[in-house]
Every structure is written in structure tokens, then in C-alpha cells.
Amino acid sequence: MNAVTVNWIAIGAVEDIPPRGARCVTTPQGRIGVFRTAEDQVYAIEDHCPHRGGPLSQGIVHGASVTCPLHNWVISLETGEAQGADEGSVKTIPVKVEDGRLFIAIEALATEAV
């Protein structure tokens, strides 16, 4: 039986990201965009549009989506999927908030349970 170990990495405070804003975090696995919606939901996804690699963290946050600043592709922050007629996706990253601090899981390791 395999168990998954998640390593949570502290990346700052929720207040570091304005409502309908984003910040970029550089990790060994690549750049991750961390987004805060107007409703104070926080999401993390890979920081590159599946279309032409545009920096999603510089896009416009609306609802639970972000619009790429290069060619206006809309990406769901919940699923990472392109919306509308566009096709493609980015990886979503687990994110959690504890006592106002943000954490992301940048890697998950499978281990054997004894």
C-alpha cells in the first residue's frame, strides 16, 4: 500500500496578495502563480499559459479564473483548464491557509506503508 507524503512550504501571508491579485513563487519545480479572489479564496497554479507561456500571475483575476495578459486565454484557477473554445491546461498546486499564512505543496512523495 502506498501513502503520499505532502511537504507544505510557507510562502507568506494572505495579506501579501491583494484581492483579485496574484504573486509568483519560484520553486525547484518551476514558477507558481498564487492567486487571491475577491471572495478571499486562494489558488495556486503553474505560472505559464498553455497557449504561449504567458505569465498568468500578471493576468486579470475575475471570479475563480485568470485571463492571460498575452492573448486573453481564460484559465480556471480551480481546475487549471482553459475555458471557452480554448484547449489546454496547467497543473494546479495544493494551497492552504493557516492563521493567515499561505502554504503550498510543491512536491508529493509516494512511500510504502509498513
N, C-alpha and C. Protein backbone atom coordinates (compact mmCIF):
# COMPACT_ATOMS: atom_id res chain seq x y z
N MET A 1 0.85 -1.18 0.00
CA MET A 1 0.00 0.00 0.00
C MET A 1 0.89 1.24 0.00
N ASN A 2 0.61 2.18 -0.88
CA ASN A 2 1.38 3.42 -0.97
C ASN A 2 0.69 4.53 -0.21
N ALA A 3 1.48 5.33 0.49
CA ALA A 3 0.99 6.54 1.16
C ALA A 3 1.66 7.73 0.51
N VAL A 4 0.99 8.86 0.48
CA VAL A 4 1.56 10.06 -0.11
C VAL A 4 1.92 11.04 0.99
N THR A 5 3.16 11.49 0.96
CA THR A 5 3.63 12.49 1.92
C THR A 5 3.67 13.84 1.22
N VAL A 6 2.99 14.83 1.79
CA VAL A 6 2.96 16.16 1.20
C VAL A 6 3.83 17.09 2.04
N ASN A 7 4.73 17.80 1.38
CA ASN A 7 5.59 18.77 2.05
C ASN A 7 5.02 20.17 1.83
N TRP A 8 4.53 20.80 2.89
CA TRP A 8 3.97 22.14 2.81
C TRP A 8 5.08 23.16 3.02
N ILE A 9 5.17 24.13 2.13
CA ILE A 9 6.18 25.18 2.18
C ILE A 9 5.50 26.52 2.43
N ALA A 10 5.93 27.25 3.47
CA ALA A 10 5.38 28.58 3.77
C ALA A 10 5.87 29.56 2.71
N ILE A 11 4.94 30.37 2.18
CA ILE A 11 5.30 31.33 1.13
C ILE A 11 4.92 32.76 1.46
N GLY A 12 4.36 33.01 2.64
CA GLY A 12 3.99 34.38 3.01
C GLY A 12 2.63 34.45 3.65
N ALA A 13 2.12 35.65 3.73
CA ALA A 13 0.81 35.89 4.34
C ALA A 13 -0.24 36.16 3.27
N VAL A 14 -1.47 35.83 3.60
CA VAL A 14 -2.58 36.10 2.67
C VAL A 14 -2.61 37.58 2.31
N GLU A 15 -2.35 38.46 3.29
CA GLU A 15 -2.39 39.90 3.05
C GLU A 15 -1.33 40.37 2.06
N ASP A 16 -0.33 39.54 1.78
CA ASP A 16 0.69 39.89 0.77
C ASP A 16 0.10 39.92 -0.64
N ILE A 17 -1.05 39.30 -0.81
CA ILE A 17 -1.71 39.25 -2.12
C ILE A 17 -3.00 40.05 -2.02
N PRO A 18 -3.14 41.10 -2.81
CA PRO A 18 -4.39 41.88 -2.74
C PRO A 18 -5.56 41.08 -3.32
N PRO A 19 -6.79 41.38 -2.89
CA PRO A 19 -7.94 40.73 -3.52
C PRO A 19 -7.90 40.95 -5.04
N ARG A 20 -8.23 39.92 -5.79
CA ARG A 20 -8.16 39.90 -7.27
C ARG A 20 -6.74 40.13 -7.77
N GLY A 21 -5.76 39.67 -6.98
CA GLY A 21 -4.36 39.83 -7.35
C GLY A 21 -3.63 38.51 -7.31
N ALA A 22 -2.32 38.58 -7.57
CA ALA A 22 -1.50 37.37 -7.60
C ALA A 22 -0.06 37.70 -7.26
N ARG A 23 0.66 36.68 -6.90
CA ARG A 23 2.10 36.75 -6.68
C ARG A 23 2.71 35.52 -7.32
N CYS A 24 3.97 35.61 -7.68
CA CYS A 24 4.68 34.49 -8.27
C CYS A 24 5.70 33.96 -7.27
N VAL A 25 5.78 32.64 -7.17
CA VAL A 25 6.74 31.98 -6.30
C VAL A 25 7.61 31.09 -7.18
N THR A 26 8.92 31.21 -7.05
CA THR A 26 9.83 30.36 -7.80
C THR A 26 10.23 29.18 -6.93
N THR A 27 10.03 27.97 -7.46
CA THR A 27 10.35 26.74 -6.74
C THR A 27 11.28 25.90 -7.60
N PRO A 28 11.87 24.86 -7.03
CA PRO A 28 12.69 23.96 -7.86
C PRO A 28 11.90 23.32 -8.99
N GLN A 29 10.58 23.22 -8.85
CA GLN A 29 9.73 22.64 -9.89
C GLN A 29 9.26 23.67 -10.92
N GLY A 30 9.59 24.93 -10.72
CA GLY A 30 9.18 25.98 -11.66
C GLY A 30 8.44 27.11 -10.96
N ARG A 31 7.97 28.05 -11.77
CA ARG A 31 7.24 29.21 -11.24
C ARG A 31 5.79 28.84 -10.99
N ILE A 32 5.29 29.28 -9.82
CA ILE A 32 3.91 29.03 -9.43
C ILE A 32 3.23 30.37 -9.17
N GLY A 33 2.05 30.56 -9.77
CA GLY A 33 1.25 31.74 -9.51
C GLY A 33 0.29 31.44 -8.37
N VAL A 34 0.27 32.33 -7.38
CA VAL A 34 -0.64 32.19 -6.24
C VAL A 34 -1.64 33.34 -6.34
N PHE A 35 -2.92 33.01 -6.39
CA PHE A 35 -3.98 33.97 -6.69
C PHE A 35 -4.95 34.09 -5.53
N ARG A 36 -5.44 35.31 -5.31
CA ARG A 36 -6.47 35.56 -4.30
C ARG A 36 -7.67 36.20 -5.01
N THR A 37 -8.83 35.60 -4.83
CA THR A 37 -10.03 36.13 -5.49
C THR A 37 -10.66 37.23 -4.63
N ALA A 38 -11.65 37.89 -5.18
CA ALA A 38 -12.39 38.92 -4.44
C ALA A 38 -13.11 38.31 -3.24
N GLU A 39 -13.41 37.01 -3.30
CA GLU A 39 -14.09 36.29 -2.22
C GLU A 39 -13.10 35.70 -1.22
N ASP A 40 -11.81 36.07 -1.32
CA ASP A 40 -10.74 35.59 -0.44
C ASP A 40 -10.42 34.11 -0.57
N GLN A 41 -10.74 33.52 -1.71
CA GLN A 41 -10.29 32.16 -1.99
C GLN A 41 -8.87 32.26 -2.54
N VAL A 42 -8.02 31.30 -2.19
CA VAL A 42 -6.63 31.30 -2.66
C VAL A 42 -6.39 30.04 -3.48
N TYR A 43 -5.75 30.23 -4.64
CA TYR A 43 -5.44 29.14 -5.55
C TYR A 43 -3.99 29.26 -5.99
N ALA A 44 -3.40 28.12 -6.38
CA ALA A 44 -2.04 28.13 -6.92
C ALA A 44 -2.02 27.24 -8.16
N ILE A 45 -1.43 27.77 -9.24
CA ILE A 45 -1.29 27.03 -10.50
C ILE A 45 0.07 27.35 -11.10
N GLU A 46 0.49 26.53 -12.05
CA GLU A 46 1.72 26.82 -12.78
C GLU A 46 1.58 28.21 -13.41
N ASP A 47 2.67 28.96 -13.39
CA ASP A 47 2.62 30.36 -13.85
C ASP A 47 2.96 30.51 -15.33
N HIS A 48 2.36 29.66 -16.16
CA HIS A 48 2.55 29.83 -17.60
C HIS A 48 1.29 29.37 -18.32
N CYS A 49 0.85 30.20 -19.22
CA CYS A 49 -0.34 29.89 -20.00
C CYS A 49 -0.03 28.71 -20.94
N PRO A 50 -0.98 27.78 -21.10
CA PRO A 50 -0.73 26.66 -22.00
C PRO A 50 -0.68 27.06 -23.48
N HIS A 51 -1.09 28.28 -23.79
CA HIS A 51 -1.10 28.74 -25.18
C HIS A 51 0.30 29.12 -25.65
N ARG A 52 0.88 30.14 -25.04
CA ARG A 52 2.20 30.62 -25.46
C ARG A 52 3.12 30.91 -24.27
N GLY A 53 2.77 30.37 -23.10
CA GLY A 53 3.64 30.51 -21.93
C GLY A 53 3.57 31.84 -21.22
N GLY A 54 2.54 32.63 -21.47
CA GLY A 54 2.41 33.93 -20.82
C GLY A 54 2.36 33.80 -19.30
N PRO A 55 2.83 34.83 -18.58
CA PRO A 55 2.86 34.80 -17.12
C PRO A 55 1.47 35.02 -16.52
N LEU A 56 0.81 33.97 -16.13
CA LEU A 56 -0.56 34.07 -15.61
C LEU A 56 -0.64 34.94 -14.36
N SER A 57 0.44 34.98 -13.56
CA SER A 57 0.43 35.80 -12.35
C SER A 57 0.33 37.29 -12.67
N GLN A 58 0.53 37.67 -13.92
CA GLN A 58 0.39 39.07 -14.33
C GLN A 58 -0.95 39.31 -15.02
N GLY A 59 -1.82 38.30 -15.00
CA GLY A 59 -3.11 38.42 -15.65
C GLY A 59 -4.16 39.04 -14.74
N ILE A 60 -5.38 39.11 -15.25
CA ILE A 60 -6.50 39.70 -14.53
C ILE A 60 -7.30 38.57 -13.87
N VAL A 61 -7.48 38.67 -12.55
CA VAL A 61 -8.26 37.69 -11.80
C VAL A 61 -9.72 38.14 -11.78
N HIS A 62 -10.62 37.24 -12.16
CA HIS A 62 -12.06 37.52 -12.15
C HIS A 62 -12.77 36.23 -11.78
N GLY A 63 -13.60 36.32 -10.74
CA GLY A 63 -14.25 35.10 -10.24
C GLY A 63 -13.17 34.13 -9.81
N ALA A 64 -13.27 32.89 -10.25
CA ALA A 64 -12.25 31.87 -9.96
C ALA A 64 -11.45 31.56 -11.22
N SER A 65 -11.15 32.60 -12.00
CA SER A 65 -10.40 32.46 -13.24
C SER A 65 -9.36 33.57 -13.35
N VAL A 66 -8.40 33.36 -14.25
CA VAL A 66 -7.42 34.39 -14.57
C VAL A 66 -7.32 34.48 -16.09
N THR A 67 -7.20 35.70 -16.60
CA THR A 67 -7.04 35.92 -18.03
C THR A 67 -5.58 36.21 -18.31
N CYS A 68 -4.98 35.43 -19.21
CA CYS A 68 -3.58 35.61 -19.58
C CYS A 68 -3.36 37.00 -20.17
N PRO A 69 -2.28 37.68 -19.77
CA PRO A 69 -2.05 39.03 -20.27
C PRO A 69 -1.59 39.08 -21.73
N LEU A 70 -1.17 37.95 -22.31
CA LEU A 70 -0.66 37.99 -23.69
C LEU A 70 -1.75 37.85 -24.74
N HIS A 71 -2.61 36.83 -24.64
CA HIS A 71 -3.58 36.57 -25.69
C HIS A 71 -4.99 36.32 -25.17
N ASN A 72 -5.25 36.73 -23.92
CA ASN A 72 -6.60 36.70 -23.34
C ASN A 72 -7.20 35.31 -23.14
N TRP A 73 -6.37 34.27 -23.05
CA TRP A 73 -6.92 32.97 -22.69
C TRP A 73 -7.39 33.03 -21.25
N VAL A 74 -8.52 32.40 -20.94
CA VAL A 74 -9.06 32.36 -19.59
C VAL A 74 -8.80 30.97 -19.01
N ILE A 75 -8.16 30.94 -17.84
CA ILE A 75 -7.78 29.70 -17.18
C ILE A 75 -8.52 29.60 -15.85
N SER A 76 -9.14 28.45 -15.58
CA SER A 76 -9.81 28.21 -14.30
C SER A 76 -8.76 28.05 -13.21
N LEU A 77 -8.89 28.80 -12.13
CA LEU A 77 -7.97 28.65 -11.00
C LEU A 77 -8.27 27.38 -10.23
N GLU A 78 -9.49 26.88 -10.34
CA GLU A 78 -9.88 25.66 -9.62
C GLU A 78 -9.36 24.39 -10.29
N THR A 79 -9.41 24.35 -11.62
CA THR A 79 -9.05 23.13 -12.35
C THR A 79 -7.78 23.25 -13.18
N GLY A 80 -7.37 24.48 -13.50
CA GLY A 80 -6.23 24.68 -14.38
C GLY A 80 -6.58 24.57 -15.85
N GLU A 81 -7.83 24.31 -16.19
CA GLU A 81 -8.28 24.11 -17.56
C GLU A 81 -8.57 25.44 -18.27
N ALA A 82 -8.21 25.50 -19.55
CA ALA A 82 -8.58 26.64 -20.38
C ALA A 82 -10.10 26.64 -20.54
N GLN A 83 -10.70 27.82 -20.60
CA GLN A 83 -12.15 27.97 -20.68
C GLN A 83 -12.56 28.32 -22.11
N GLY A 84 -13.84 28.17 -22.39
CA GLY A 84 -14.37 28.52 -23.70
C GLY A 84 -13.88 27.56 -24.77
N ALA A 85 -13.60 28.11 -25.96
CA ALA A 85 -13.17 27.29 -27.08
C ALA A 85 -11.69 26.90 -27.01
N ASP A 86 -10.94 27.53 -26.11
CA ASP A 86 -9.51 27.24 -26.00
C ASP A 86 -9.29 25.90 -25.32
N GLU A 87 -8.20 25.22 -25.71
CA GLU A 87 -7.90 23.92 -25.14
C GLU A 87 -6.50 23.92 -24.55
N GLY A 88 -6.36 23.27 -23.40
CA GLY A 88 -5.08 23.17 -22.72
C GLY A 88 -5.30 23.31 -21.23
N SER A 89 -4.25 23.05 -20.49
CA SER A 89 -4.37 23.17 -19.04
C SER A 89 -3.01 23.38 -18.41
N VAL A 90 -3.03 23.83 -17.17
CA VAL A 90 -1.84 23.95 -16.35
C VAL A 90 -2.08 23.15 -15.07
N LYS A 91 -1.01 22.77 -14.43
CA LYS A 91 -1.10 21.99 -13.20
C LYS A 91 -1.57 22.88 -12.05
N THR A 92 -2.51 22.37 -11.26
CA THR A 92 -2.92 23.07 -10.04
C THR A 92 -2.02 22.58 -8.91
N ILE A 93 -1.76 23.47 -7.95
CA ILE A 93 -0.88 23.18 -6.83
C ILE A 93 -1.71 23.26 -5.55
N PRO A 94 -1.62 22.26 -4.68
CA PRO A 94 -2.35 22.37 -3.40
C PRO A 94 -1.87 23.59 -2.61
N VAL A 95 -2.83 24.32 -2.07
CA VAL A 95 -2.53 25.51 -1.27
C VAL A 95 -3.43 25.49 -0.04
N LYS A 96 -2.91 25.97 1.08
CA LYS A 96 -3.73 26.07 2.28
C LYS A 96 -3.36 27.34 3.04
N VAL A 97 -4.32 27.78 3.85
CA VAL A 97 -4.13 28.97 4.69
C VAL A 97 -4.29 28.54 6.14
N GLU A 98 -3.30 28.87 6.96
CA GLU A 98 -3.36 28.60 8.40
C GLU A 98 -2.96 29.86 9.14
N ASP A 99 -3.87 30.37 9.97
CA ASP A 99 -3.60 31.58 10.76
C ASP A 99 -3.09 32.73 9.89
N GLY A 100 -3.68 32.88 8.70
CA GLY A 100 -3.30 33.97 7.81
C GLY A 100 -2.04 33.73 7.00
N ARG A 101 -1.38 32.59 7.18
CA ARG A 101 -0.17 32.26 6.43
C ARG A 101 -0.50 31.32 5.28
N LEU A 102 0.18 31.50 4.17
CA LEU A 102 -0.03 30.68 2.98
C LEU A 102 1.01 29.58 2.90
N PHE A 103 0.56 28.39 2.48
CA PHE A 103 1.44 27.26 2.27
C PHE A 103 1.09 26.60 0.94
N ILE A 104 2.12 26.15 0.22
CA ILE A 104 1.89 25.37 -0.99
C ILE A 104 2.60 24.03 -0.85
N ALA A 105 2.08 23.03 -1.53
CA ALA A 105 2.70 21.71 -1.56
C ALA A 105 3.44 21.61 -2.88
N ILE A 106 4.76 21.76 -2.84
CA ILE A 106 5.50 21.76 -4.11
C ILE A 106 5.94 20.38 -4.55
N GLU A 107 5.85 19.40 -3.65
CA GLU A 107 6.16 18.05 -4.07
C GLU A 107 5.43 17.06 -3.19
N ALA A 108 5.07 15.95 -3.77
CA ALA A 108 4.44 14.87 -3.02
C ALA A 108 5.25 13.62 -3.26
N LEU A 109 5.63 12.94 -2.20
CA LEU A 109 6.47 11.76 -2.31
C LEU A 109 5.64 10.52 -1.95
N ALA A 110 5.68 9.51 -2.81
CA ALA A 110 4.99 8.26 -2.52
C ALA A 110 5.92 7.42 -1.65
N THR A 111 5.38 6.86 -0.58
CA THR A 111 6.16 6.00 0.30
C THR A 111 5.39 4.71 0.54
N GLU A 112 6.10 3.66 0.83
CA GLU A 112 5.48 2.38 1.14
C GLU A 112 5.06 2.37 2.60
N ALA A 113 3.84 2.01 2.85
CA ALA A 113 3.36 1.86 4.24
C ALA A 113 3.78 0.48 4.74
N VAL A 114 4.19 0.41 5.97
CA VAL A 114 4.64 -0.86 6.54
C VAL A 114 3.53 -1.51 7.32
